[in-house]
Amino acid sequence: MTSSSAAPAGWWAAFRRAQHPRGPDLRQAVRLLVSVLLSDLLARAVHLHEPVWSVITSVIVTQSRITQTLTTGRDQVVGTLLGAGAGVFAIVLILGTPLPPWLVFWLVLTPLAVLAAIRPALRFAAVTLMIVLLFPAHGSPFLRPLDRIASIMIGVITSLAVSFLVLHDEARRDVLRSAARLVGDIADLLDQALRGTLDHDAIESADEAFRTHLQEIYGAVAEAQVEGLGFLRRRGDPLLDGLPALLRRLRG
């Protein structure tokens, strides 16, 4: 084949790869859109007063990895429960004491701000408190915290379901690909040593790449265990269980 005919073929192959529906970026975009759509439909189906919070939650929680989605969803739920509890307490103070609402708001917000400074993942508690107290509400003042909790739960549950069921990648293959890259880099390093071209800078650079590969492997192993529900089984995947430690020793 001539170079003139090979060039269009190469461009076409690159175009096909970019348009392939299994690309990581496109998969995540599809997951996010499906999560937003489902959370909005569910929130409207149960007649929530403010379904927009379910949609916002699904945007925040739906991550590219299931483990990240689980972590973000947990933080959202815990923060929302704390913020809703603080909001209910603030409403009780406003209705039952002569304290002005602005003072009650700052009294309740202060400990949540300290908590967010200590544990940034719980900053959603302060956000929920602001939504409960600062946004106008119709009907009972205690309805907003309950509506907020229901919205968050719908958004989180929808995001988890989408992360498990919609176009998720097989993390086991990510483990093997990262392991192959690590072994290949080690082989390149040994080849440089045999040819006498290895110096200190090359060793430092290669070791940094090895650490990056190992981090990717450990993250992909955790993702594969969650993806395959391995944490619910007594026996996991023998290859995934032993591979990270073996590669760490090989790198050492």
Protein backbone atom coordinates (compact mmCIF):
# COMPACT_ATOMS: atom_id res chain seq x y z
CA MET A 1 0.00 0.00 0.00
CA THR A 2 1.32 3.44 -0.89
CA SER A 3 1.78 6.24 1.61
CA SER A 4 -1.00 8.25 -0.08
CA SER A 5 -3.52 5.47 0.45
CA ALA A 6 -2.23 4.66 3.95
CA ALA A 7 -2.81 8.22 5.19
CA PRO A 8 -6.60 8.24 4.57
CA ALA A 9 -6.84 4.80 6.13
CA GLY A 10 -4.98 6.05 9.20
CA TRP A 11 -7.24 9.08 9.49
CA TRP A 12 -10.31 6.87 9.11
CA ALA A 13 -9.10 4.50 11.82
CA ALA A 14 -8.49 7.43 14.16
CA PHE A 15 -11.95 8.77 13.37
CA ARG A 16 -13.53 5.38 14.11
CA ARG A 17 -11.72 5.19 17.44
CA ALA A 18 -12.86 8.70 18.37
CA GLN A 19 -16.46 7.87 17.48
CA HIS A 20 -16.49 4.47 19.17
CA PRO A 21 -19.24 4.33 21.83
CA ARG A 22 -16.94 2.53 24.25
CA GLY A 23 -14.61 5.50 24.59
CA PRO A 24 -14.18 6.50 28.28
CA ASP A 25 -15.24 10.12 27.82
CA LEU A 26 -18.30 9.31 25.76
CA ARG A 27 -19.31 6.52 28.15
CA GLN A 28 -19.17 8.92 31.07
CA ALA A 29 -21.19 11.52 29.17
CA VAL A 30 -23.88 8.93 28.42
CA ARG A 31 -23.94 7.76 32.04
CA LEU A 32 -24.31 11.33 33.26
CA LEU A 33 -27.16 12.09 30.85
CA VAL A 34 -29.00 8.89 31.75
CA SER A 35 -28.55 9.59 35.47
CA VAL A 36 -29.92 13.13 35.11
CA LEU A 37 -32.91 11.94 33.08
CA LEU A 38 -33.82 9.09 35.45
CA SER A 39 -33.42 11.16 38.61
CA ASP A 40 -35.65 13.88 37.17
CA LEU A 41 -38.32 11.36 36.13
CA LEU A 42 -38.27 9.63 39.53
CA ALA A 43 -38.40 12.89 41.47
CA ARG A 44 -41.41 14.01 39.44
CA ALA A 45 -43.05 10.61 39.75
CA VAL A 46 -43.05 10.81 43.56
CA HIS A 47 -44.19 14.46 43.36
CA LEU A 48 -41.25 16.09 45.09
CA HIS A 49 -41.68 19.85 45.47
CA GLU A 50 -38.17 20.55 44.13
CA PRO A 51 -36.99 17.77 41.77
CA VAL A 52 -34.10 19.99 40.69
CA TRP A 53 -32.09 18.87 43.74
CA SER A 54 -32.28 15.25 42.58
CA VAL A 55 -30.88 16.29 39.21
CA ILE A 56 -28.08 18.33 40.81
CA THR A 57 -27.22 15.39 43.07
CA SER A 58 -27.01 12.99 40.13
CA VAL A 59 -24.61 15.36 38.35
CA ILE A 60 -22.37 15.53 41.44
CA VAL A 61 -22.47 11.84 42.36
CA THR A 62 -22.18 10.15 38.94
CA GLN A 63 -18.45 9.59 38.52
CA SER A 64 -16.39 7.67 35.99
CA ARG A 65 -15.62 4.92 38.53
CA ILE A 66 -18.06 3.04 40.72
CA THR A 67 -15.81 3.44 43.76
CA GLN A 68 -15.80 7.22 43.25
CA THR A 69 -19.58 7.21 42.86
CA LEU A 70 -19.96 5.24 46.10
CA THR A 71 -17.69 7.63 47.99
CA THR A 72 -19.34 10.77 46.64
CA GLY A 73 -22.82 9.33 47.24
CA ARG A 74 -21.93 8.45 50.82
CA ASP A 75 -20.66 11.97 51.44
CA GLN A 76 -23.82 13.44 49.93
CA VAL A 77 -26.11 11.30 52.08
CA VAL A 78 -24.23 11.87 55.35
CA GLY A 79 -23.85 15.59 54.70
CA THR A 80 -27.51 15.95 53.78
CA LEU A 81 -28.68 14.13 56.90
CA LEU A 82 -26.50 16.34 59.10
CA GLY A 83 -27.62 19.49 57.31
CA ALA A 84 -31.29 18.51 57.41
CA GLY A 85 -31.02 17.72 61.13
CA ALA A 86 -29.36 21.07 61.74
CA GLY A 87 -32.10 22.73 59.66
CA VAL A 88 -34.86 21.13 61.72
CA PHE A 89 -33.11 22.27 64.91
CA ALA A 90 -32.84 25.80 63.53
CA ILE A 91 -36.54 25.84 62.57
CA VAL A 92 -37.47 24.74 66.08
CA LEU A 93 -35.37 27.57 67.53
CA ILE A 94 -36.93 30.13 65.17
CA LEU A 95 -40.48 29.02 65.97
CA GLY A 96 -40.00 28.45 69.70
CA THR A 97 -37.65 31.21 70.80
CA PRO A 98 -37.50 35.00 70.39
CA LEU A 99 -34.12 34.73 68.63
CA PRO A 100 -34.04 36.44 65.21
CA PRO A 101 -33.75 34.06 62.22
CA TRP A 102 -30.41 35.51 61.07
CA LEU A 103 -28.86 34.82 64.49
CA VAL A 104 -30.20 31.26 64.55
CA PHE A 105 -28.80 30.68 61.07
CA TRP A 106 -25.29 31.76 62.07
CA LEU A 107 -25.42 29.85 65.36
CA VAL A 108 -26.26 26.62 63.54
CA LEU A 109 -24.00 27.26 60.54
CA THR A 110 -20.86 27.83 62.63
CA PRO A 111 -20.40 24.21 63.84
CA LEU A 112 -21.13 22.93 60.34
CA ALA A 113 -18.45 25.23 58.95
CA VAL A 114 -15.98 23.88 61.51
CA LEU A 115 -16.99 20.33 60.55
CA ALA A 116 -16.46 21.12 56.85
CA ALA A 117 -13.00 22.51 57.66
CA ILE A 118 -12.09 19.30 59.49
CA ARG A 119 -13.75 16.95 57.01
CA PRO A 120 -14.24 18.68 53.62
CA ALA A 121 -16.33 15.77 52.34
CA LEU A 122 -19.10 16.84 54.75
CA ARG A 123 -19.42 20.35 53.33
CA PHE A 124 -22.81 19.29 51.93
CA ALA A 125 -24.19 19.68 55.45
CA ALA A 126 -23.73 23.45 55.30
CA VAL A 127 -25.20 23.54 51.78
CA THR A 128 -28.30 21.65 52.95
CA LEU A 129 -28.74 23.99 55.90
CA MET A 130 -28.66 27.00 53.58
CA ILE A 131 -31.24 25.40 51.28
CA VAL A 132 -33.51 24.60 54.22
CA LEU A 133 -33.38 28.07 55.79
CA LEU A 134 -32.62 30.56 53.02
CA PHE A 135 -34.78 29.34 50.14
CA PRO A 136 -38.48 30.26 50.33
CA ALA A 137 -40.75 27.35 51.21
CA HIS A 138 -44.49 26.78 50.90
CA GLY A 139 -46.51 24.95 53.54
CA SER A 140 -44.95 23.48 56.67
CA PRO A 141 -41.38 24.69 57.36
CA PHE A 142 -40.45 21.09 58.25
CA LEU A 143 -41.40 19.89 54.77
CA ARG A 144 -38.26 21.27 53.11
CA PRO A 145 -35.75 19.11 55.10
CA LEU A 146 -37.75 15.98 54.28
CA ASP A 147 -38.04 16.98 50.63
CA ARG A 148 -34.30 17.65 50.50
CA ILE A 149 -33.49 14.22 51.98
CA ALA A 150 -35.80 12.49 49.50
CA SER A 151 -34.25 14.39 46.61
CA ILE A 152 -30.72 13.44 47.64
CA MET A 153 -31.62 9.78 48.09
CA ILE A 154 -33.22 9.63 44.62
CA GLY A 155 -30.18 11.29 43.06
CA VAL A 156 -27.72 8.99 44.84
CA ILE A 157 -29.63 5.76 44.17
CA THR A 158 -30.07 6.68 40.51
CA SER A 159 -26.37 7.49 40.15
CA LEU A 160 -25.34 4.16 41.70
CA ALA A 161 -27.72 2.19 39.49
CA VAL A 162 -26.45 3.96 36.37
CA SER A 163 -22.80 3.48 37.39
CA PHE A 164 -23.31 -0.27 37.78
CA LEU A 165 -25.57 -0.89 34.80
CA VAL A 166 -24.87 1.67 32.06
CA LEU A 167 -21.73 1.33 29.91
CA HIS A 168 -19.35 0.72 32.78
CA ASP A 169 -15.88 -0.38 31.74
CA GLU A 170 -14.42 -3.70 32.88
CA ALA A 171 -11.92 -2.68 35.53
CA ARG A 172 -10.27 -6.10 35.39
CA ARG A 173 -8.99 -5.23 31.93
CA ASP A 174 -7.68 -1.92 33.28
CA VAL A 175 -5.70 -3.88 35.89
CA LEU A 176 -4.13 -6.09 33.25
CA ARG A 177 -3.38 -3.17 30.91
CA SER A 178 -1.68 -1.22 33.71
CA ALA A 179 0.23 -4.34 34.74
CA ALA A 180 1.41 -4.82 31.16
CA ARG A 181 2.62 -1.20 31.01
CA LEU A 182 4.49 -1.62 34.30
CA VAL A 183 6.22 -4.83 33.18
CA GLY A 184 7.05 -3.21 29.83
CA ASP A 185 8.64 -0.20 31.55
CA ILE A 186 10.68 -2.50 33.79
CA ALA A 187 11.86 -4.41 30.71
CA ASP A 188 12.88 -1.12 29.05
CA LEU A 189 14.82 -0.14 32.17
CA LEU A 190 16.67 -3.46 32.22
CA ASP A 191 17.41 -3.12 28.50
CA GLN A 192 18.98 0.30 29.14
CA ALA A 193 21.07 -1.25 31.93
CA LEU A 194 22.30 -4.02 29.63
CA ARG A 195 23.26 -1.48 26.97
CA GLY A 196 25.09 0.65 29.55
CA THR A 197 22.92 3.74 28.91
CA LEU A 198 21.23 3.82 32.32
CA ASP A 199 21.91 6.79 34.61
CA HIS A 200 20.50 8.13 37.87
CA ASP A 201 17.98 10.45 36.20
CA ALA A 202 16.60 7.62 34.10
CA ILE A 203 16.18 5.47 37.20
CA GLU A 204 14.34 8.24 39.06
CA SER A 205 12.07 8.90 36.08
CA ALA A 206 11.33 5.21 35.62
CA ASP A 207 10.60 4.72 39.32
CA GLU A 208 8.10 7.58 39.24
CA ALA A 209 6.35 5.91 36.31
CA PHE A 210 6.35 2.60 38.23
CA ARG A 211 4.64 4.25 41.21
CA THR A 212 2.01 5.76 38.91
CA HIS A 213 1.29 2.37 37.35
CA LEU A 214 0.98 0.76 40.79
CA GLN A 215 -1.47 3.43 41.92
CA GLU A 216 -3.53 2.81 38.79
CA ILE A 217 -3.43 -0.92 39.46
CA TYR A 218 -4.57 -0.62 43.08
CA GLY A 219 -7.38 1.74 42.04
CA ALA A 220 -8.49 -0.57 39.24
CA VAL A 221 -8.39 -3.60 41.56
CA ALA A 222 -10.66 -1.82 44.03
CA GLU A 223 -12.96 -0.87 41.16
CA ALA A 224 -13.03 -4.45 39.84
CA GLN A 225 -13.93 -5.83 43.26
CA VAL A 226 -16.85 -3.43 43.60
CA GLU A 227 -17.85 -3.80 39.95
CA GLY A 228 -18.05 -7.57 40.23
CA LEU A 229 -19.56 -7.42 43.73
CA GLY A 230 -16.47 -9.26 44.96
CA PHE A 231 -16.84 -7.65 48.38
CA LEU A 232 -20.03 -9.72 48.82
CA ARG A 233 -18.26 -13.01 48.13
CA ARG A 234 -15.88 -14.91 50.36
CA ARG A 235 -13.60 -15.76 47.46
CA GLY A 236 -12.40 -12.99 45.19
CA ASP A 237 -10.45 -13.11 41.97
CA PRO A 238 -7.13 -14.92 42.71
CA LEU A 239 -5.32 -13.02 39.98
CA LEU A 240 -6.45 -9.59 41.17
CA ASP A 241 -5.84 -10.51 44.80
CA GLY A 242 -2.19 -11.43 44.23
CA LEU A 243 -1.14 -9.30 41.28
CA PRO A 244 -0.58 -5.91 43.01
CA ALA A 245 1.73 -7.34 45.68
CA LEU A 246 3.66 -9.33 43.05
CA LEU A 247 4.17 -6.26 40.88
CA ARG A 248 5.18 -4.18 43.89
CA ARG A 249 7.91 -6.71 44.71
CA LEU A 250 8.96 -6.80 41.05
CA ARG A 251 9.25 -3.03 41.01
CA GLY A 252 11.30 -3.13 44.23
